[in-house]
């Protein structure tokens, strides 16, 4: 009986790698396994980085919202201070104008009359 190369060639090498009919290592199956593992690693990395990106975008969005609220609060505080300063300046201007008009024309305002009466009553109580 004649021996053919396939009769004597093992189907796998000592390392467990498939062998071709010629006795060479069959790297096609190894390459396919390597490609599958590479594809799996790429998918895992893609999922991981998508998760990291999603968390990062969520944090960025929350930070931007907080920053926007802080800016809005600062703006409102500045407007309130501005309005208070304007009201204070208006009141001071009105008082100066009233005092000047009283001195110039000799006519007392209701406020000045009430103040004079209050002083008069206080002095009466002391004497």
N, C-alpha and C. Protein backbone atom coordinates (compact mmCIF):
# COMPACT_ATOMS: atom_id res chain seq x y z
N UNK A 1 0.83 -1.15 0.00
CA UNK A 1 0.00 0.00 0.00
C UNK A 1 0.88 1.23 0.00
N UNK A 2 0.55 2.17 -0.86
CA UNK A 2 1.32 3.40 -0.97
C UNK A 2 0.77 4.42 0.02
N UNK A 3 1.71 5.09 0.56
CA UNK A 3 1.32 6.11 1.54
C UNK A 3 1.22 7.45 0.82
N UNK A 4 0.11 8.12 1.01
CA UNK A 4 -0.05 9.46 0.44
C UNK A 4 0.31 10.48 1.52
N UNK A 5 0.71 11.67 1.09
CA UNK A 5 1.08 12.67 2.09
C UNK A 5 -0.04 12.96 3.08
N UNK A 6 -1.28 12.86 2.64
CA UNK A 6 -2.38 13.15 3.56
C UNK A 6 -2.56 12.04 4.57
N UNK A 7 -2.13 10.83 4.24
CA UNK A 7 -2.28 9.74 5.20
C UNK A 7 -1.38 9.93 6.40
N UNK A 8 -0.20 10.47 6.17
CA UNK A 8 0.77 10.59 7.24
C UNK A 8 0.78 11.96 7.92
N UNK A 9 0.19 12.92 7.26
CA UNK A 9 0.19 14.28 7.81
C UNK A 9 -0.89 14.39 8.89
N UNK A 10 -0.52 14.88 10.05
CA UNK A 10 -1.56 15.10 11.06
C UNK A 10 -2.42 16.29 10.65
N UNK A 11 -3.62 16.31 11.13
CA UNK A 11 -4.53 17.41 10.80
C UNK A 11 -4.20 18.66 11.59
N UNK A 12 -3.50 18.48 12.70
CA UNK A 12 -3.12 19.63 13.52
C UNK A 12 -1.65 19.47 13.89
N UNK A 13 -1.02 20.65 14.11
CA UNK A 13 0.38 20.62 14.52
C UNK A 13 0.46 20.34 16.01
N UNK A 14 1.65 20.31 16.51
CA UNK A 14 1.86 20.06 17.93
C UNK A 14 1.22 21.17 18.77
N UNK A 15 1.21 22.39 18.23
CA UNK A 15 0.63 23.52 18.94
C UNK A 15 -0.89 23.57 18.84
N UNK A 16 -1.47 22.66 18.06
CA UNK A 16 -2.91 22.64 17.91
C UNK A 16 -3.39 23.50 16.77
N UNK A 17 -2.47 23.97 15.92
CA UNK A 17 -2.83 24.81 14.79
C UNK A 17 -3.14 23.90 13.60
N UNK A 18 -4.24 24.15 12.90
CA UNK A 18 -4.56 23.30 11.74
C UNK A 18 -3.43 23.34 10.69
N UNK A 19 -3.30 22.23 9.99
CA UNK A 19 -2.23 22.09 9.00
C UNK A 19 -2.87 21.85 7.64
N UNK A 20 -2.24 22.38 6.58
CA UNK A 20 -2.73 22.15 5.21
C UNK A 20 -2.34 20.75 4.77
N UNK A 21 -2.83 20.35 3.62
CA UNK A 21 -2.51 19.02 3.07
C UNK A 21 -1.03 18.89 2.80
N UNK A 22 -0.36 20.00 2.53
CA UNK A 22 1.08 19.98 2.25
C UNK A 22 1.90 19.95 3.52
N UNK A 23 1.30 20.07 4.66
CA UNK A 23 2.02 20.04 5.92
C UNK A 23 2.35 21.42 6.48
N UNK A 24 1.92 22.44 5.78
CA UNK A 24 2.16 23.80 6.26
C UNK A 24 1.07 24.20 7.25
N UNK A 25 1.42 25.16 8.09
CA UNK A 25 0.41 25.65 9.04
C UNK A 25 -0.67 26.40 8.27
N UNK A 26 -1.91 26.13 8.63
CA UNK A 26 -3.04 26.80 8.00
C UNK A 26 -3.33 28.07 8.80
N UNK A 27 -2.85 29.19 8.31
CA UNK A 27 -2.99 30.46 9.03
C UNK A 27 -4.33 31.14 8.75
N UNK A 28 -5.08 30.62 7.80
CA UNK A 28 -6.38 31.22 7.47
C UNK A 28 -7.32 31.21 8.66
N UNK A 29 -7.40 30.08 9.34
CA UNK A 29 -8.30 30.01 10.50
C UNK A 29 -7.78 30.87 11.64
N UNK A 30 -6.44 30.89 11.80
CA UNK A 30 -5.86 31.76 12.84
C UNK A 30 -6.14 33.22 12.53
N UNK A 31 -6.00 33.58 11.25
CA UNK A 31 -6.26 34.97 10.84
C UNK A 31 -7.73 35.32 11.09
N UNK A 32 -8.63 34.39 10.80
CA UNK A 32 -10.06 34.64 11.02
C UNK A 32 -10.34 34.84 12.51
N UNK A 33 -9.72 33.99 13.36
CA UNK A 33 -9.90 34.16 14.81
C UNK A 33 -9.33 35.50 15.27
N UNK A 34 -8.16 35.84 14.75
CA UNK A 34 -7.54 37.12 15.12
C UNK A 34 -8.42 38.28 14.68
N UNK A 35 -8.97 38.18 13.48
CA UNK A 35 -9.86 39.24 12.98
C UNK A 35 -11.10 39.37 13.85
N UNK A 36 -11.66 38.22 14.26
CA UNK A 36 -12.84 38.24 15.13
C UNK A 36 -12.52 38.89 16.47
N UNK A 37 -11.39 38.51 17.06
CA UNK A 37 -11.00 39.10 18.35
C UNK A 37 -10.74 40.59 18.20
N UNK A 38 -10.10 40.96 17.09
CA UNK A 38 -9.84 42.39 16.85
C UNK A 38 -11.16 43.15 16.73
N UNK A 39 -12.10 42.58 15.98
CA UNK A 39 -13.41 43.22 15.81
C UNK A 39 -14.12 43.35 17.16
N UNK A 40 -14.04 42.30 18.00
CA UNK A 40 -14.66 42.35 19.33
C UNK A 40 -14.02 43.44 20.19
N UNK A 41 -12.68 43.52 20.15
CA UNK A 41 -11.98 44.57 20.92
C UNK A 41 -12.39 45.96 20.43
N UNK A 42 -12.48 46.11 19.10
CA UNK A 42 -12.88 47.40 18.54
C UNK A 42 -14.29 47.77 18.98
N UNK A 43 -15.19 46.79 19.01
CA UNK A 43 -16.57 47.05 19.45
C UNK A 43 -16.60 47.44 20.93
N UNK A 44 -15.81 46.73 21.75
CA UNK A 44 -15.75 47.06 23.17
C UNK A 44 -15.19 48.47 23.38
N UNK A 45 -14.14 48.79 22.64
CA UNK A 45 -13.55 50.13 22.75
C UNK A 45 -14.54 51.19 22.29
N UNK A 46 -15.25 50.89 21.21
CA UNK A 46 -16.25 51.84 20.70
C UNK A 46 -17.34 52.08 21.75
N UNK A 47 -17.83 50.99 22.37
CA UNK A 47 -18.84 51.12 23.42
C UNK A 47 -18.30 51.93 24.59
N UNK A 48 -17.05 51.62 24.99
CA UNK A 48 -16.44 52.32 26.11
C UNK A 48 -16.31 53.82 25.82
N UNK A 49 -15.78 54.15 24.64
CA UNK A 49 -15.58 55.56 24.32
C UNK A 49 -16.91 56.29 24.10
N UNK A 50 -17.90 55.59 23.57
CA UNK A 50 -19.23 56.20 23.44
C UNK A 50 -19.81 56.50 24.82
N UNK A 51 -19.60 55.59 25.76
CA UNK A 51 -20.06 55.79 27.13
C UNK A 51 -19.34 56.97 27.77
N UNK A 52 -18.01 57.02 27.59
CA UNK A 52 -17.23 58.14 28.13
C UNK A 52 -17.69 59.45 27.50
N UNK A 53 -17.89 59.46 26.18
CA UNK A 53 -18.32 60.67 25.49
C UNK A 53 -19.70 61.11 25.98
N UNK A 54 -20.61 60.13 26.15
CA UNK A 54 -21.96 60.46 26.63
C UNK A 54 -21.91 61.08 28.02
N UNK A 55 -21.11 60.47 28.92
CA UNK A 55 -20.97 61.02 30.27
C UNK A 55 -20.35 62.41 30.23
N UNK A 56 -19.36 62.57 29.38
CA UNK A 56 -18.68 63.86 29.26
C UNK A 56 -19.64 64.93 28.76
N UNK A 57 -20.43 64.59 27.75
CA UNK A 57 -21.40 65.56 27.21
C UNK A 57 -22.48 65.89 28.25
N UNK A 58 -22.88 64.88 29.03
CA UNK A 58 -23.88 65.13 30.08
C UNK A 58 -23.31 66.08 31.13
N UNK A 59 -22.07 65.82 31.56
CA UNK A 59 -21.41 66.69 32.54
C UNK A 59 -21.25 68.10 31.99
N UNK A 60 -20.84 68.20 30.73
CA UNK A 60 -20.67 69.50 30.09
C UNK A 60 -22.00 70.25 30.06
N UNK A 61 -23.06 69.53 29.71
CA UNK A 61 -24.39 70.15 29.65
C UNK A 61 -24.82 70.65 31.04
N UNK A 62 -24.60 69.83 32.06
CA UNK A 62 -24.95 70.24 33.43
C UNK A 62 -24.12 71.45 33.87
N UNK A 63 -22.83 71.43 33.54
CA UNK A 63 -21.96 72.56 33.90
C UNK A 63 -22.40 73.83 33.19
N UNK A 64 -22.76 73.71 31.91
CA UNK A 64 -23.21 74.88 31.15
C UNK A 64 -24.51 75.43 31.73
N UNK A 65 -25.41 74.54 32.13
CA UNK A 65 -26.67 74.98 32.73
C UNK A 65 -26.41 75.71 34.04
N UNK A 66 -25.53 75.15 34.86
CA UNK A 66 -25.18 75.79 36.13
C UNK A 66 -24.51 77.14 35.89
N UNK A 67 -23.61 77.19 34.93
CA UNK A 67 -22.92 78.43 34.60
C UNK A 67 -23.92 79.47 34.10
N UNK A 68 -24.87 79.03 33.28
CA UNK A 68 -25.91 79.94 32.79
C UNK A 68 -26.75 80.50 33.92
N UNK A 69 -27.10 79.64 34.89
CA UNK A 69 -27.88 80.10 36.04
C UNK A 69 -27.08 81.11 36.86
N UNK A 70 -25.79 80.84 37.03
CA UNK A 70 -24.94 81.76 37.79
C UNK A 70 -24.86 83.11 37.09
N UNK A 71 -24.69 83.09 35.78
CA UNK A 71 -24.63 84.35 35.02
C UNK A 71 -25.96 85.10 35.12
N UNK A 72 -27.06 84.37 35.04
CA UNK A 72 -28.38 85.01 35.14
C UNK A 72 -28.54 85.65 36.52
N UNK A 73 -28.10 84.95 37.56
CA UNK A 73 -28.20 85.49 38.93
C UNK A 73 -27.35 86.75 39.07
N UNK A 74 -26.14 86.73 38.52
CA UNK A 74 -25.27 87.90 38.57
C UNK A 74 -25.93 89.07 37.84
N UNK A 75 -26.51 88.78 36.69
CA UNK A 75 -27.18 89.83 35.90
C UNK A 75 -28.34 90.42 36.70
N UNK A 76 -29.15 89.56 37.32
CA UNK A 76 -30.29 90.04 38.11
C UNK A 76 -29.82 90.87 39.30
N UNK A 77 -28.75 90.43 39.97
CA UNK A 77 -28.20 91.19 41.10
C UNK A 77 -27.70 92.56 40.65
N UNK A 78 -27.02 92.59 39.52
CA UNK A 78 -26.51 93.86 39.00
C UNK A 78 -27.65 94.81 38.63
N UNK A 79 -28.71 94.25 38.02
CA UNK A 79 -29.86 95.08 37.67
C UNK A 79 -30.54 95.62 38.93
N UNK A 80 -30.65 94.79 39.96
CA UNK A 80 -31.27 95.24 41.22
C UNK A 80 -30.44 96.35 41.85
N UNK A 81 -29.11 96.17 41.87
CA UNK A 81 -28.24 97.23 42.42
C UNK A 81 -28.39 98.52 41.62
N UNK A 82 -28.42 98.38 40.30
CA UNK A 82 -28.58 99.55 39.43
C UNK A 82 -29.89 100.27 39.73
N UNK A 83 -30.98 99.50 39.82
CA UNK A 83 -32.29 100.11 40.10
C UNK A 83 -32.31 100.78 41.48
N UNK A 84 -31.65 100.16 42.47
CA UNK A 84 -31.58 100.76 43.80
C UNK A 84 -30.80 102.07 43.77
N UNK A 85 -29.68 102.07 43.05
CA UNK A 85 -28.89 103.30 42.95
C UNK A 85 -29.67 104.40 42.24
N UNK A 86 -30.40 104.03 41.19
CA UNK A 86 -31.21 105.02 40.47
C UNK A 86 -32.29 105.58 41.39
N UNK A 87 -32.99 104.71 42.12
CA UNK A 87 -34.04 105.16 43.03
C UNK A 87 -33.46 106.07 44.12
N UNK A 88 -32.30 105.68 44.65
CA UNK A 88 -31.65 106.49 45.69
C UNK A 88 -31.26 107.86 45.13
N UNK A 89 -30.68 107.88 43.93
CA UNK A 89 -30.28 109.14 43.32
C UNK A 89 -31.50 110.02 43.02
N UNK A 90 -32.59 109.40 42.58
CA UNK A 90 -33.81 110.16 42.31
C UNK A 90 -34.34 110.79 43.60
N UNK A 91 -34.37 110.00 44.68
CA UNK A 91 -34.87 110.51 45.96
C UNK A 91 -34.00 111.66 46.45
N UNK A 92 -32.68 111.51 46.34
CA UNK A 92 -31.78 112.59 46.76
C UNK A 92 -31.99 113.84 45.90
N UNK A 93 -32.18 113.64 44.60
CA UNK A 93 -32.39 114.79 43.71
C UNK A 93 -33.71 115.50 44.04
N UNK A 94 -34.75 114.73 44.30
CA UNK A 94 -36.05 115.32 44.65
C UNK A 94 -35.92 116.10 45.96
N UNK A 95 -35.23 115.53 46.95
CA UNK A 95 -35.04 116.23 48.22
C UNK A 95 -34.27 117.53 48.03
N UNK A 96 -33.20 117.49 47.24
CA UNK A 96 -32.43 118.72 46.99
C UNK A 96 -33.29 119.77 46.30
N UNK A 97 -34.06 119.34 45.33
CA UNK A 97 -34.92 120.29 44.60
C UNK A 97 -35.97 120.88 45.53
N UNK A 98 -36.59 120.04 46.38
CA UNK A 98 -37.59 120.54 47.33
C UNK A 98 -36.98 121.52 48.32
N UNK A 99 -35.79 121.18 48.85
CA UNK A 99 -35.13 122.08 49.79
C UNK A 99 -34.79 123.41 49.13
N UNK A 100 -34.30 123.34 47.91
CA UNK A 100 -33.95 124.58 47.20
C UNK A 100 -35.19 125.42 46.93
N UNK A 101 -36.29 124.76 46.54
CA UNK A 101 -37.53 125.48 46.27
C UNK A 101 -38.07 126.11 47.55
N UNK A 102 -37.97 125.40 48.69
CA UNK A 102 -38.43 125.96 49.96
C UNK A 102 -37.61 127.19 50.33
N UNK A 103 -36.31 127.13 50.17
CA UNK A 103 -35.46 128.28 50.51
C UNK A 103 -35.72 129.43 49.56
N UNK A 104 -35.84 129.11 48.30
CA UNK A 104 -35.97 130.15 47.28
C UNK A 104 -37.33 130.86 47.38
N UNK A 105 -38.38 130.10 47.58
CA UNK A 105 -39.72 130.68 47.55
C UNK A 105 -40.35 130.85 48.93
N UNK A 106 -39.71 130.31 49.95
CA UNK A 106 -40.21 130.48 51.30
C UNK A 106 -41.47 129.69 51.59
N UNK A 107 -41.76 128.68 50.81
CA UNK A 107 -42.95 127.85 51.01
C UNK A 107 -42.48 126.48 51.48
N UNK A 108 -43.04 126.03 52.62
CA UNK A 108 -42.63 124.74 53.17
C UNK A 108 -43.48 123.62 52.58
N UNK A 109 -42.83 122.48 52.38
CA UNK A 109 -43.55 121.30 51.88
C UNK A 109 -44.26 120.63 53.06
N UNK A 110 -45.15 119.71 52.73
CA UNK A 110 -45.87 118.98 53.79
C UNK A 110 -44.90 118.21 54.68
N UNK A 111 -43.89 117.67 54.09
CA UNK A 111 -42.90 116.91 54.85
C UNK A 111 -42.18 117.82 55.83
N UNK A 112 -41.78 118.99 55.37
CA UNK A 112 -41.07 119.93 56.23
C UNK A 112 -41.99 120.42 57.35
N UNK A 113 -43.26 120.66 57.02
CA UNK A 113 -44.23 121.08 58.04
C UNK A 113 -44.39 120.01 59.11
N UNK A 114 -44.49 118.75 58.70
CA UNK A 114 -44.63 117.65 59.67
C UNK A 114 -43.38 117.54 60.54
N UNK A 115 -42.22 117.71 59.93
CA UNK A 115 -40.96 117.64 60.68
C UNK A 115 -40.88 118.78 61.69
N UNK A 116 -41.24 119.98 61.26
CA UNK A 116 -41.24 121.13 62.18
C UNK A 116 -42.20 120.89 63.35
N UNK A 117 -43.39 120.37 63.06
CA UNK A 117 -44.37 120.09 64.13
C UNK A 117 -43.84 119.01 65.08
N UNK A 118 -43.18 118.02 64.55
CA UNK A 118 -42.61 116.97 65.40
C UNK A 118 -41.56 117.56 66.32
N UNK A 119 -40.70 118.44 65.81
CA UNK A 119 -39.68 119.08 66.65
C UNK A 119 -40.34 119.97 67.71
N UNK A 120 -41.36 120.67 67.31
CA UNK A 120 -42.05 121.55 68.23
C UNK A 120 -42.66 120.74 69.38
N UNK A 121 -43.31 119.62 69.03
CA UNK A 121 -43.92 118.77 70.07
C UNK A 121 -42.86 118.18 70.99
N UNK A 122 -41.73 117.81 70.42
CA UNK A 122 -40.65 117.25 71.23
C UNK A 122 -40.11 118.29 72.20
N UNK A 123 -39.92 119.50 71.71
CA UNK A 123 -39.40 120.57 72.57
C UNK A 123 -40.41 120.94 73.65
N UNK A 124 -41.71 120.90 73.34
CA UNK A 124 -42.73 121.20 74.34
C UNK A 124 -42.67 120.17 75.46
N UNK A 125 -42.40 118.93 75.11
CA UNK A 125 -42.32 117.88 76.12
C UNK A 125 -41.11 118.05 77.01
N UNK A 126 -40.06 118.67 76.52
CA UNK A 126 -38.85 118.85 77.31
C UNK A 126 -38.94 120.07 78.22
N UNK A 127 -39.67 121.04 77.84
CA UNK A 127 -39.74 122.29 78.61
C UNK A 127 -40.81 122.25 79.64
